[in-house]
Amino acid sequence: MMHYLPLSDTRFDDLPYHMTMPVTPQREFFTLQEVADKLGFNRMTVYRYVVKKRLPSYKFGRHYRVRKDDFENFIVHNKV
């Protein structure tokens, strides 16, 4: 059970260390190069899929990322 503390009454220095560090169980996003490596494609081929909206992606700054779930759906629906 998680207990929430009102922020106005809390100093972060007083919190136990384990409450201040969120744990991420696994990576959610792949780079286009990682997708290409997994599929055995060239990175530019994956880039074209992204630009043509055949592979859902997110742009962080200048870099595209593909969510793990979107990658898995792409494989299932395209029989790669």
PDB file of N, CA and C in Angstrom:
ATOM      1  N   MET A   1       0.842  -1.167   0.000  1.00  0.00           N
ATOM      2  CA  MET A   1       0.000   0.000   0.000  1.00  0.00           C
ATOM      3  C   MET A   1       0.888   1.232   0.000  1.00  0.00           C
ATOM      4  N   MET A   2       0.554   2.187  -0.849  1.00  0.00           N
ATOM      5  CA  MET A   2       1.364   3.378  -0.960  1.00  0.00           C
ATOM      6  C   MET A   2       0.721   4.517  -0.195  1.00  0.00           C
ATOM      7  N   HIS A   3       1.522   5.252   0.519  1.00  0.00           N
ATOM      8  CA  HIS A   3       1.028   6.403   1.257  1.00  0.00           C
ATOM      9  C   HIS A   3       1.503   7.663   0.567  1.00  0.00           C
ATOM     10  N   TYR A   4       0.602   8.594   0.371  1.00  0.00           N
ATOM     11  CA  TYR A   4       0.940   9.848  -0.266  1.00  0.00           C
ATOM     12  C   TYR A   4       1.075  10.931   0.788  1.00  0.00           C
ATOM     13  N   LEU A   5       2.106  11.728   0.625  1.00  0.00           N
ATOM     14  CA  LEU A   5       2.342  12.827   1.550  1.00  0.00           C
ATOM     15  C   LEU A   5       2.028  14.134   0.835  1.00  0.00           C
ATOM     16  N   PRO A   6       1.351  15.047   1.497  1.00  0.00           N
ATOM     17  CA  PRO A   6       1.107  16.334   0.843  1.00  0.00           C
ATOM     18  C   PRO A   6       2.440  17.038   0.601  1.00  0.00           C
ATOM     19  N   LEU A   7       2.628  17.558  -0.610  1.00  0.00           N
ATOM     20  CA  LEU A   7       3.904  18.169  -0.959  1.00  0.00           C
ATOM     21  C   LEU A   7       4.218  19.405  -0.132  1.00  0.00           C
ATOM     22  N   SER A   8       3.199  20.122   0.275  1.00  0.00           N
ATOM     23  CA  SER A   8       3.452  21.340   1.043  1.00  0.00           C
ATOM     24  C   SER A   8       4.074  21.034   2.405  1.00  0.00           C
ATOM     25  N   ASP A   9       3.826  19.842   2.944  1.00  0.00           N
ATOM     26  CA  ASP A   9       4.352  19.473   4.255  1.00  0.00           C
ATOM     27  C   ASP A   9       5.609  18.601   4.164  1.00  0.00           C
ATOM     28  N   THR A  10       6.076  18.337   2.946  1.00  0.00           N
ATOM     29  CA  THR A  10       7.155  17.378   2.773  1.00  0.00           C
ATOM     30  C   THR A  10       8.409  18.049   2.231  1.00  0.00           C
ATOM     31  N   ARG A  11       9.526  17.710   2.844  1.00  0.00           N
ATOM     32  CA  ARG A  11      10.823  18.088   2.291  1.00  0.00           C
ATOM     33  C   ARG A  11      11.399  16.825   1.675  1.00  0.00           C
ATOM     34  N   PHE A  12      11.860  16.921   0.445  1.00  0.00           N
ATOM     35  CA  PHE A  12      12.359  15.737  -0.238  1.00  0.00           C
ATOM     36  C   PHE A  12      13.593  15.163   0.440  1.00  0.00           C
ATOM     37  N   ASP A  13      14.334  15.973   1.158  1.00  0.00           N
ATOM     38  CA  ASP A  13      15.494  15.462   1.890  1.00  0.00           C
ATOM     39  C   ASP A  13      15.079  14.508   3.002  1.00  0.00           C
ATOM     40  N   ASP A  14      13.846  14.639   3.482  1.00  0.00           N
ATOM     41  CA  ASP A  14      13.368  13.812   4.585  1.00  0.00           C
ATOM     42  C   ASP A  14      12.789  12.476   4.126  1.00  0.00           C
ATOM     43  N   LEU A  15      12.571  12.313   2.819  1.00  0.00           N
ATOM     44  CA  LEU A  15      11.980  11.077   2.311  1.00  0.00           C
ATOM     45  C   LEU A  15      13.019   9.962   2.293  1.00  0.00           C
ATOM     46  N   PRO A  16      12.586   8.741   2.558  1.00  0.00           N
ATOM     47  CA  PRO A  16      13.508   7.607   2.437  1.00  0.00           C
ATOM     48  C   PRO A  16      13.967   7.473   0.984  1.00  0.00           C
ATOM     49  N   TYR A  17      15.177   7.007   0.779  1.00  0.00           N
ATOM     50  CA  TYR A  17      15.761   6.910  -0.559  1.00  0.00           C
ATOM     51  C   TYR A  17      14.900   6.080  -1.511  1.00  0.00           C
ATOM     52  N   HIS A  18      14.361   4.973  -1.039  1.00  0.00           N
ATOM     53  CA  HIS A  18      13.595   4.092  -1.921  1.00  0.00           C
ATOM     54  C   HIS A  18      12.315   4.736  -2.432  1.00  0.00           C
ATOM     55  N   MET A  19      11.845   5.788  -1.822  1.00  0.00           N
ATOM     56  CA  MET A  19      10.633   6.462  -2.298  1.00  0.00           C
ATOM     57  C   MET A  19      10.952   7.507  -3.362  1.00  0.00           C
ATOM     58  N   THR A  20      12.198   7.875  -3.516  1.00  0.00           N
ATOM     59  CA  THR A  20      12.533   8.938  -4.453  1.00  0.00           C
ATOM     60  C   THR A  20      12.986   8.427  -5.811  1.00  0.00           C
ATOM     61  N   MET A  21      13.258   7.146  -5.939  1.00  0.00           N
ATOM     62  CA  MET A  21      13.757   6.590  -7.185  1.00  0.00           C
ATOM     63  C   MET A  21      12.721   5.662  -7.812  1.00  0.00           C
ATOM     64  N   PRO A  22      12.045   6.104  -8.897  1.00  0.00           N
ATOM     65  CA  PRO A  22      11.095   5.207  -9.550  1.00  0.00           C
ATOM     66  C   PRO A  22      11.839   4.077 -10.261  1.00  0.00           C
ATOM     67  N   VAL A  23      11.226   2.926 -10.316  1.00  0.00           N
ATOM     68  CA  VAL A  23      11.834   1.764 -10.951  1.00  0.00           C
ATOM     69  C   VAL A  23      11.128   1.513 -12.269  1.00  0.00           C
ATOM     70  N   THR A  24      11.892   1.449 -13.349  1.00  0.00           N
ATOM     71  CA  THR A  24      11.341   1.147 -14.659  1.00  0.00           C
ATOM     72  C   THR A  24      11.702  -0.294 -14.987  1.00  0.00           C
ATOM     73  N   PRO A  25      10.708  -1.176 -15.090  1.00  0.00           N
ATOM     74  CA  PRO A  25      11.003  -2.588 -15.275  1.00  0.00           C
ATOM     75  C   PRO A  25      11.665  -2.918 -16.608  1.00  0.00           C
ATOM     76  N   GLN A  26      11.308  -2.206 -17.682  1.00  0.00           N
ATOM     77  CA  GLN A  26      11.897  -2.506 -18.974  1.00  0.00           C
ATOM     78  C   GLN A  26      11.837  -1.281 -19.874  1.00  0.00           C
ATOM     79  N   ARG A  27      12.639  -1.309 -20.909  1.00  0.00           N
ATOM     80  CA  ARG A  27      12.640  -0.209 -21.860  1.00  0.00           C
ATOM     81  C   ARG A  27      11.365  -0.234 -22.674  1.00  0.00           C
ATOM     82  N   GLU A  28      10.767   0.905 -22.859  1.00  0.00           N
ATOM     83  CA  GLU A  28       9.526   0.997 -23.609  1.00  0.00           C
ATOM     84  C   GLU A  28       9.741   1.300 -25.088  1.00  0.00           C
ATOM     85  N   PHE A  29      10.854   1.927 -25.447  1.00  0.00           N
ATOM     86  CA  PHE A  29      11.070   2.392 -26.811  1.00  0.00           C
ATOM     87  C   PHE A  29      12.311   1.769 -27.440  1.00  0.00           C
ATOM     88  N   PHE A  30      12.251   1.613 -28.776  1.00  0.00           N
ATOM     89  CA  PHE A  30      13.395   1.163 -29.559  1.00  0.00           C
ATOM     90  C   PHE A  30      13.808   2.274 -30.512  1.00  0.00           C
ATOM     91  N   THR A  31      15.096   2.368 -30.804  1.00  0.00           N
ATOM     92  CA  THR A  31      15.562   3.277 -31.849  1.00  0.00           C
ATOM     93  C   THR A  31      15.243   2.631 -33.197  1.00  0.00           C
ATOM     94  N   LEU A  32      15.324   3.420 -34.270  1.00  0.00           N
ATOM     95  CA  LEU A  32      15.087   2.849 -35.595  1.00  0.00           C
ATOM     96  C   LEU A  32      16.150   1.808 -35.932  1.00  0.00           C
ATOM     97  N   GLN A  33      17.371   2.022 -35.472  1.00  0.00           N
ATOM     98  CA  GLN A  33      18.436   1.040 -35.718  1.00  0.00           C
ATOM     99  C   GLN A  33      18.138  -0.274 -34.996  1.00  0.00           C
ATOM    100  N   GLU A  34      17.627  -0.193 -33.774  1.00  0.00           N
ATOM    101  CA  GLU A  34      17.273  -1.413 -33.037  1.00  0.00           C
ATOM    102  C   GLU A  34      16.146  -2.165 -33.730  1.00  0.00           C
ATOM    103  N   VAL A  35      15.150  -1.435 -34.244  1.00  0.00           N
ATOM    104  CA  VAL A  35      14.054  -2.069 -34.985  1.00  0.00           C
ATOM    105  C   VAL A  35      14.611  -2.735 -36.237  1.00  0.00           C
ATOM    106  N   ALA A  36      15.477  -2.023 -36.954  1.00  0.00           N
ATOM    107  CA  ALA A  36      16.077  -2.574 -38.170  1.00  0.00           C
ATOM    108  C   ALA A  36      16.862  -3.846 -37.864  1.00  0.00           C
ATOM    109  N   ASP A  37      17.633  -3.830 -36.801  1.00  0.00           N
ATOM    110  CA  ASP A  37      18.415  -5.016 -36.427  1.00  0.00           C
ATOM    111  C   ASP A  37      17.513  -6.195 -36.091  1.00  0.00           C
ATOM    112  N   LYS A  38      16.421  -5.937 -35.384  1.00  0.00           N
ATOM    113  CA  LYS A  38      15.502  -7.013 -35.000  1.00  0.00           C
ATOM    114  C   LYS A  38      14.801  -7.617 -36.220  1.00  0.00           C
ATOM    115  N   LEU A  39      14.512  -6.772 -37.223  1.00  0.00           N
ATOM    116  CA  LEU A  39      13.803  -7.236 -38.408  1.00  0.00           C
ATOM    117  C   LEU A  39      14.738  -7.721 -39.512  1.00  0.00           C
ATOM    118  N   GLY A  40      16.019  -7.386 -39.404  1.00  0.00           N
ATOM    119  CA  GLY A  40      16.951  -7.718 -40.476  1.00  0.00           C
ATOM    120  C   GLY A  40      16.820  -6.766 -41.648  1.00  0.00           C
ATOM    121  N   PHE A  41      16.334  -5.554 -41.401  1.00  0.00           N
ATOM    122  CA  PHE A  41      16.157  -4.532 -42.428  1.00  0.00           C
ATOM    123  C   PHE A  41      17.260  -3.495 -42.314  1.00  0.00           C
ATOM    124  N   ASN A  42      17.375  -2.681 -43.347  1.00  0.00           N
ATOM    125  CA  ASN A  42      18.233  -1.509 -43.308  1.00  0.00           C
ATOM    126  C   ASN A  42      17.515  -0.426 -42.504  1.00  0.00           C
ATOM    127  N   ARG A  43      18.268   0.435 -41.812  1.00  0.00           N
ATOM    128  CA  ARG A  43      17.656   1.502 -41.008  1.00  0.00           C
ATOM    129  C   ARG A  43      16.808   2.432 -41.873  1.00  0.00           C
ATOM    130  N   MET A  44      17.238   2.681 -43.111  1.00  0.00           N
ATOM    131  CA  MET A  44      16.471   3.569 -43.993  1.00  0.00           C
ATOM    132  C   MET A  44      15.123   2.954 -44.369  1.00  0.00           C
ATOM    133  N   THR A  45      15.050   1.655 -44.463  1.00  0.00           N
ATOM    134  CA  THR A  45      13.773   0.988 -44.739  1.00  0.00           C
ATOM    135  C   THR A  45      12.805   1.230 -43.589  1.00  0.00           C
ATOM    136  N   VAL A  46      13.293   1.082 -42.370  1.00  0.00           N
ATOM    137  CA  VAL A  46      12.459   1.343 -41.191  1.00  0.00           C
ATOM    138  C   VAL A  46      12.056   2.809 -41.164  1.00  0.00           C
ATOM    139  N   TYR A  47      12.970   3.702 -41.499  1.00  0.00           N
ATOM    140  CA  TYR A  47      12.675   5.141 -41.542  1.00  0.00           C
ATOM    141  C   TYR A  47      11.540   5.418 -42.535  1.00  0.00           C
ATOM    142  N   ARG A  48      11.566   4.775 -43.686  1.00  0.00           N
ATOM    143  CA  ARG A  48      10.492   4.966 -44.682  1.00  0.00           C
ATOM    144  C   ARG A  48       9.148   4.483 -44.144  1.00  0.00           C
ATOM    145  N   TYR A  49       9.143   3.361 -43.430  1.00  0.00           N
ATOM    146  CA  TYR A  49       7.902   2.894 -42.804  1.00  0.00           C
ATOM    147  C   TYR A  49       7.372   3.938 -41.826  1.00  0.00           C
ATOM    148  N   VAL A  50       8.257   4.552 -41.078  1.00  0.00           N
ATOM    149  CA  VAL A  50       7.863   5.572 -40.099  1.00  0.00           C
ATOM    150  C   VAL A  50       7.295   6.793 -40.812  1.00  0.00           C
ATOM    151  N   VAL A  51       8.002   7.283 -41.831  1.00  0.00           N
ATOM    152  CA  VAL A  51       7.574   8.488 -42.552  1.00  0.00           C
ATOM    153  C   VAL A  51       6.237   8.260 -43.250  1.00  0.00           C
ATOM    154  N   LYS A  52       6.027   7.056 -43.778  1.00  0.00           N
ATOM    155  CA  LYS A  52       4.771   6.733 -44.468  1.00  0.00           C
ATOM    156  C   LYS A  52       3.667   6.302 -43.506  1.00  0.00           C
ATOM    157  N   LYS A  53       3.940   6.384 -42.196  1.00  0.00           N
ATOM    158  CA  LYS A  53       2.966   6.065 -41.137  1.00  0.00           C
ATOM    159  C   LYS A  53       2.564   4.592 -41.127  1.00  0.00           C
ATOM    160  N   ARG A  54       3.392   3.726 -41.671  1.00  0.00           N
ATOM    161  CA  ARG A  54       3.109   2.292 -41.619  1.00  0.00           C
ATOM    162  C   ARG A  54       3.572   1.687 -40.304  1.00  0.00           C
ATOM    163  N   LEU A  55       4.523   2.370 -39.656  1.00  0.00           N
ATOM    164  CA  LEU A  55       5.034   1.945 -38.353  1.00  0.00           C
ATOM    165  C   LEU A  55       4.887   3.126 -37.399  1.00  0.00           C
ATOM    166  N   PRO A  56       4.002   3.024 -36.412  1.00  0.00           N
ATOM    167  CA  PRO A  56       3.812   4.138 -35.468  1.00  0.00           C
ATOM    168  C   PRO A  56       5.114   4.463 -34.739  1.00  0.00           C
ATOM    169  N   SER A  57       5.349   5.757 -34.555  1.00  0.00           N
ATOM    170  CA  SER A  57       6.577   6.176 -33.878  1.00  0.00           C
ATOM    171  C   SER A  57       6.347   7.494 -33.159  1.00  0.00           C
ATOM    172  N   TYR A  58       7.316   7.861 -32.358  1.00  0.00           N
ATOM    173  CA  TYR A  58       7.306   9.122 -31.618  1.00  0.00           C
ATOM    174  C   TYR A  58       8.617   9.815 -31.912  1.00  0.00           C
ATOM    175  N   LYS A  59       8.556  11.131 -32.037  1.00  0.00           N
ATOM    176  CA  LYS A  59       9.770  11.889 -32.324  1.00  0.00           C
ATOM    177  C   LYS A  59      10.195  12.639 -31.074  1.00  0.00           C
ATOM    178  N   PHE A  60      11.399  12.368 -30.615  1.00  0.00           N
ATOM    179  CA  PHE A  60      11.985  13.047 -29.465  1.00  0.00           C
ATOM    180  C   PHE A  60      13.120  13.908 -30.006  1.00  0.00           C
ATOM    181  N   GLY A  61      12.879  15.197 -30.105  1.00  0.00           N
ATOM    182  CA  GLY A  61      13.880  16.062 -30.723  1.00  0.00           C
ATOM    183  C   GLY A  61      13.994  15.698 -32.190  1.00  0.00           C
ATOM    184  N   ARG A  62      15.184  15.299 -32.609  1.00  0.00           N
ATOM    185  CA  ARG A  62      15.399  14.892 -34.000  1.00  0.00           C
ATOM    186  C   ARG A  62      15.323  13.386 -34.189  1.00  0.00           C
ATOM    187  N   HIS A  63      15.076  12.643 -33.143  1.00  0.00           N
ATOM    188  CA  HIS A  63      15.167  11.186 -33.195  1.00  0.00           C
ATOM    189  C   HIS A  63      13.800  10.521 -33.061  1.00  0.00           C
ATOM    190  N   TYR A  64      13.559   9.526 -33.912  1.00  0.00           N
ATOM    191  CA  TYR A  64      12.339   8.737 -33.836  1.00  0.00           C
ATOM    192  C   TYR A  64      12.555   7.566 -32.889  1.00  0.00           C
ATOM    193  N   ARG A  65      11.482   7.205 -32.189  1.00  0.00           N
ATOM    194  CA  ARG A  65      11.488   6.029 -31.327  1.00  0.00           C
ATOM    195  C   ARG A  65      10.197   5.253 -31.584  1.00  0.00           C
ATOM    196  N   VAL A  66      10.287   3.936 -31.488  1.00  0.00           N
ATOM    197  CA  VAL A  66       9.141   3.054 -31.708  1.00  0.00           C
ATOM    198  C   VAL A  66       8.840   2.347 -30.400  1.00  0.00           C
ATOM    199  N   ARG A  67       7.578   2.454 -29.970  1.00  0.00           N
ATOM    200  CA  ARG A  67       7.179   1.763 -28.741  1.00  0.00           C
ATOM    201  C   ARG A  67       7.243   0.260 -28.941  1.00  0.00           C
ATOM    202  N   LYS A  68       7.583  -0.436 -27.891  1.00  0.00           N
ATOM    203  CA  LYS A  68       7.684  -1.898 -27.943  1.00  0.00           C
ATOM    204  C   LYS A  68       6.362  -2.517 -28.404  1.00  0.00           C
ATOM    205  N   ASP A  69       5.238  -2.055 -27.868  1.00  0.00           N
ATOM    206  CA  ASP A  69       3.926  -2.592 -28.249  1.00  0.00           C
ATOM    207  C   ASP A  69       3.630  -2.340 -29.725  1.00  0.00           C
ATOM    208  N   ASP A  70       3.968  -1.147 -30.222  1.00  0.00           N
ATOM    209  CA  ASP A  70       3.745  -0.831 -31.634  1.00  0.00           C
ATOM    210  C   ASP A  70       4.614  -1.708 -32.529  1.00  0.00           C
ATOM    211  N   PHE A  71       5.840  -1.961 -32.100  1.00  0.00           N
ATOM    212  CA  PHE A  71       6.734  -2.837 -32.855  1.00  0.00           C
ATOM    213  C   PHE A  71       6.154  -4.252 -32.940  1.00  0.00           C
ATOM    214  N   GLU A  72       5.676  -4.768 -31.816  1.00  0.00           N
ATOM    215  CA  GLU A  72       5.103  -6.116 -31.799  1.00  0.00           C
ATOM    216  C   GLU A  72       3.848  -6.193 -32.658  1.00  0.00           C
ATOM    217  N   ASN A  73       2.991  -5.165 -32.608  1.00  0.00           N
ATOM    218  CA  ASN A  73       1.797  -5.129 -33.457  1.00  0.00           C
ATOM    219  C   ASN A  73       2.175  -5.067 -34.933  1.00  0.00           C
ATOM    220  N   PHE A  74       3.206  -4.314 -35.252  1.00  0.00           N
ATOM    221  CA  PHE A  74       3.687  -4.214 -36.630  1.00  0.00           C
ATOM    222  C   PHE A  74       4.095  -5.590 -37.150  1.00  0.00           C
ATOM    223  N   ILE A  75       4.803  -6.347 -36.337  1.00  0.00           N
ATOM    224  CA  ILE A  75       5.248  -7.688 -36.739  1.00  0.00           C
ATOM    225  C   ILE A  75       4.047  -8.600 -36.980  1.00  0.00           C
ATOM    226  N   VAL A  76       3.083  -8.572 -36.067  1.00  0.00           N
ATOM    227  CA  VAL A  76       1.908  -9.443 -36.181  1.00  0.00           C
ATOM    228  C   VAL A  76       1.080  -9.100 -37.415  1.00  0.00           C
ATOM    229  N   HIS A  77       0.823  -7.811 -37.627  1.00  0.00           N
ATOM    230  CA  HIS A  77      -0.056  -7.399 -38.720  1.00  0.00           C
ATOM    231  C   HIS A  77       0.615  -7.410 -40.089  1.00  0.00           C
ATOM    232  N   ASN A  78       1.929  -7.402 -40.128  1.00  0.00           N
ATOM    233  CA  ASN A  78       2.639  -7.395 -41.407  1.00  0.00           C
ATOM    234  C   ASN A  78       3.342  -8.708 -41.698  1.00  0.00           C
ATOM    235  N   LYS A  79       3.196  -9.672 -40.812  1.00  0.00           N
ATOM    236  CA  LYS A  79       3.785 -11.007 -40.989  1.00  0.00           C
ATOM    237  C   LYS A  79       5.257 -10.925 -41.367  1.00  0.00           C
ATOM    238  N   VAL A  80       5.987 -10.140 -40.588  1.00  0.00           N
ATOM    239  CA  VAL A  80       7.424  -9.963 -40.841  1.00  0.00           C
ATOM    240  C   VAL A  80       8.176 -11.129 -40.259  1.00  0.00           C
TER     241      VAL A  80
END
